[in-house]
Structure formats: C-alpha cells, structure tokens
Protein backbone atom coordinates (compact mmCIF):
# COMPACT_ATOMS: atom_id res chain seq x y z
CA UNK A 1 -128.95 -46.98 121.72
CA UNK A 2 -127.75 -47.79 118.36
CA UNK A 3 -127.96 -44.51 116.12
CA UNK A 4 -128.33 -44.84 111.84
CA UNK A 5 -128.12 -41.65 109.91
CA UNK A 6 -130.18 -41.57 106.80
CA UNK A 7 -130.24 -39.12 103.60
CA UNK A 8 -133.53 -39.02 101.76
CA UNK A 9 -134.25 -36.68 98.71
CA UNK A 10 -137.24 -36.41 96.23
CA UNK A 11 -137.68 -34.25 93.19
CA UNK A 12 -139.59 -33.89 90.20
CA UNK A 13 -138.90 -32.38 87.06
CA UNK A 14 -141.23 -29.57 85.81
CA UNK A 15 -143.24 -29.55 89.34
CA UNK A 16 -145.48 -31.58 89.17
CA UNK A 17 -143.38 -33.92 86.53
CA UNK A 18 -141.71 -37.26 86.47
CA UNK A 19 -140.39 -37.60 90.00
CA UNK A 20 -137.93 -39.84 91.79
CA UNK A 21 -136.35 -40.32 95.23
CA UNK A 22 -133.34 -41.28 96.63
CA UNK A 23 -132.56 -42.73 99.92
CA UNK A 24 -128.85 -43.70 101.58
CA UNK A 25 -129.02 -45.78 104.84
CA UNK A 26 -125.26 -46.36 105.97
CA UNK A 27 -123.63 -47.93 102.99
CA UNK A 28 -127.10 -48.85 101.34
CA UNK A 29 -128.25 -47.01 98.28
CA UNK A 30 -131.76 -47.04 96.89
CA UNK A 31 -133.20 -45.06 93.98
CA UNK A 32 -136.59 -45.39 92.29
CA UNK A 33 -139.08 -43.50 90.01
CA UNK A 34 -142.41 -42.79 91.38
CA UNK A 35 -144.26 -41.27 88.26
CA UNK A 36 -145.76 -37.81 88.12
CA UNK A 37 -145.76 -36.07 91.45
CA UNK A 38 -144.74 -32.68 92.82
CA UNK A 39 -141.50 -32.01 94.70
CA UNK A 40 -143.06 -32.30 98.29
CA UNK A 41 -144.66 -35.37 97.39
CA UNK A 42 -141.56 -36.87 96.23
CA UNK A 43 -139.89 -35.72 99.57
CA UNK A 44 -142.56 -37.28 101.33
CA UNK A 45 -142.34 -40.56 99.26
CA UNK A 46 -138.65 -40.58 100.04
CA UNK A 47 -139.42 -40.69 103.91
CA UNK A 48 -141.73 -43.22 103.71
CA UNK A 49 -139.73 -45.39 101.52
CA UNK A 50 -136.72 -45.04 104.42
CA UNK A 51 -138.95 -45.89 107.17
CA UNK A 52 -140.47 -49.00 105.57
CA UNK A 53 -136.87 -49.84 104.42
CA UNK A 54 -135.53 -49.29 108.04
CA UNK A 55 -138.26 -51.66 109.43
CA UNK A 56 -137.50 -54.45 106.77
CA UNK A 57 -133.46 -54.19 107.48
CA UNK A 58 -133.72 -53.78 111.47
CA UNK A 59 -136.83 -56.02 112.47
CA UNK A 60 -139.39 -55.05 115.05
CA UNK A 61 -137.65 -55.20 118.16
CA UNK A 62 -134.26 -53.61 117.07
CA UNK A 63 -135.71 -50.56 115.28
CA UNK A 64 -137.41 -49.96 118.92
CA UNK A 65 -133.95 -49.64 120.42
CA UNK A 66 -132.54 -47.20 117.30
CA UNK A 67 -132.38 -43.82 117.13
CA UNK A 68 -132.81 -43.05 113.44
CA UNK A 69 -131.89 -39.47 112.32
CA UNK A 70 -133.38 -38.55 108.61
CA UNK A 71 -131.68 -35.91 106.82
CA UNK A 72 -133.28 -34.04 103.94
CA UNK A 73 -132.49 -30.75 101.96
CA UNK A 74 -136.48 -29.48 102.10
CA UNK A 75 -136.79 -27.18 105.06
CA UNK A 76 -140.35 -27.16 104.52
CA UNK A 77 -141.06 -30.84 104.61
CA UNK A 78 -138.55 -31.07 107.84
CA UNK A 79 -140.58 -28.49 109.78
CA UNK A 80 -144.13 -30.33 108.63
CA UNK A 81 -142.84 -33.34 109.88
CA UNK A 82 -141.72 -31.76 113.34
CA UNK A 83 -144.98 -30.23 113.57
CA UNK A 84 -143.88 -26.64 113.14
CA UNK A 85 -145.42 -26.19 109.69
CA UNK A 86 -149.19 -26.65 108.60
CA UNK A 87 -149.59 -28.84 105.64
CA UNK A 88 -151.47 -26.81 103.16
CA UNK A 89 -151.31 -28.84 100.23
CA UNK A 90 -154.26 -31.36 100.09
CA UNK A 91 -152.34 -34.10 98.39
CA UNK A 92 -149.80 -34.31 101.22
CA UNK A 93 -152.26 -35.09 103.96
CA UNK A 94 -152.10 -39.05 103.29
CA UNK A 95 -148.42 -39.24 102.95
CA UNK A 96 -148.13 -37.38 106.07
CA UNK A 97 -150.58 -39.54 107.83
CA UNK A 98 -148.84 -42.46 106.70
CA UNK A 99 -145.56 -41.24 108.05
CA UNK A 100 -147.30 -40.44 111.27
CA UNK A 101 -148.75 -44.34 111.24
CA UNK A 102 -145.14 -45.68 110.59
CA UNK A 103 -143.82 -43.74 113.45
CA UNK A 104 -145.83 -45.81 115.65
CA UNK A 105 -143.49 -48.73 114.98
CA UNK A 106 -140.62 -46.68 114.17
CA UNK A 107 -140.65 -44.33 117.60
CA UNK A 108 -136.97 -42.97 117.78
CA UNK A 109 -136.77 -40.69 114.69
CA UNK A 110 -135.47 -37.22 114.39
CA UNK A 111 -135.88 -35.20 110.93
CA UNK A 112 -133.25 -33.05 110.51
CA UNK A 113 -132.67 -30.05 107.60
CA UNK A 114 -129.39 -29.91 105.95
CA UNK A 115 -128.20 -27.88 102.90
CA UNK A 116 -128.62 -29.35 99.73
CA UNK A 117 -124.61 -29.57 99.31
CA UNK A 118 -124.52 -31.84 102.17
CA UNK A 119 -127.32 -34.21 100.70
CA UNK A 120 -125.83 -34.79 97.33
CA UNK A 121 -125.73 -38.54 97.04
CA UNK A 122 -129.36 -38.81 97.73
CA UNK A 123 -129.93 -35.97 94.96
CA UNK A 124 -127.82 -38.04 92.84
CA UNK A 125 -129.84 -41.07 93.22
CA UNK A 126 -133.30 -39.10 92.47
CA UNK A 127 -131.75 -37.85 89.16
CA UNK A 128 -130.41 -41.42 88.18
CA UNK A 129 -134.02 -42.61 88.73
CA UNK A 130 -135.54 -39.99 86.75
CA UNK A 131 -133.12 -40.14 83.86
CA UNK A 132 -133.27 -44.05 83.82
CA UNK A 133 -137.12 -43.71 83.37
CA UNK A 134 -137.10 -41.18 80.93
CA UNK A 135 -134.60 -43.23 78.79
CA UNK A 136 -136.72 -46.23 79.02
CA UNK A 137 -139.86 -44.13 77.66
CA UNK A 138 -137.60 -42.69 75.12
CA UNK A 139 -136.50 -46.09 74.16
CA UNK A 140 -140.30 -47.21 73.72
CA UNK A 141 -141.13 -44.77 71.23
CA UNK A 142 -137.99 -45.06 69.29
C-alpha cells in the first residue's frame, strides 16, 4: 500500500477573525483565505481541503489503496477526529460531518498530532493566505 503524508493547519487572527488554511501534500502546497472563522473551524476546513484535494490528485481507485497520514498541530481537533473527544462547538458539527462523509471515499486516513514547530510550512501557508487577503482589503480602501 502506498503512503502519503499530509500536513494541514488552519488559523484565525482574533479568534474568530480573518482565517486561512495551509496544506502540504508531498511537494505540493496550498494556501487559501477562508473568511471570518474560529481557529478550530479553520483547522477543520484545512482537513476538508486536504481530503478533497487527495481525491482529485489520486482518483477513486488509487485512493482506496493509499494510506494517508494527516498531521496537524491542533491536539483538540485530532482527538475529535479520532473520536477521543466530544465536539461541543455547534459550528464544528457540519464540518465534522463533512469530514466523516469524505472518509467513506478516503478510507485509510490516520489523524496525528504533531508540535507546531514540526508543522512550520503549513503554518506559514496559513499566514501567507491571511496576509494576502488583508493586503488586498487594505488596497481596496486606499
């Protein structure tokens, strides 16, 4: 079985506030501004983005035979996705359900916590997305 290691991160400034996601899949990097969200919403959105991107990159058959390790620096979200912690934030329920539904088509996924310093690139991508969006907003008002 093939294995792909993925790094995801999501973050918001002022929680909730301007938010972004960063995803690293092999040598491919993705960064996206996602509007006003909480940190946890952004973390979930990053996982959703990664799962959808993996489906596109690998295709239906290949993804069935690929082990996927998703690393993130949010211990809470990892434990929620691994069914170790209850989800108490109402706004996370639809995101959790979306991930649950994606896991039907992406079956061999393992969610793993790693310290922030081991997830630097995904974190940089988050900040790049937020910075770019805020700069664009500023230039609209200048």
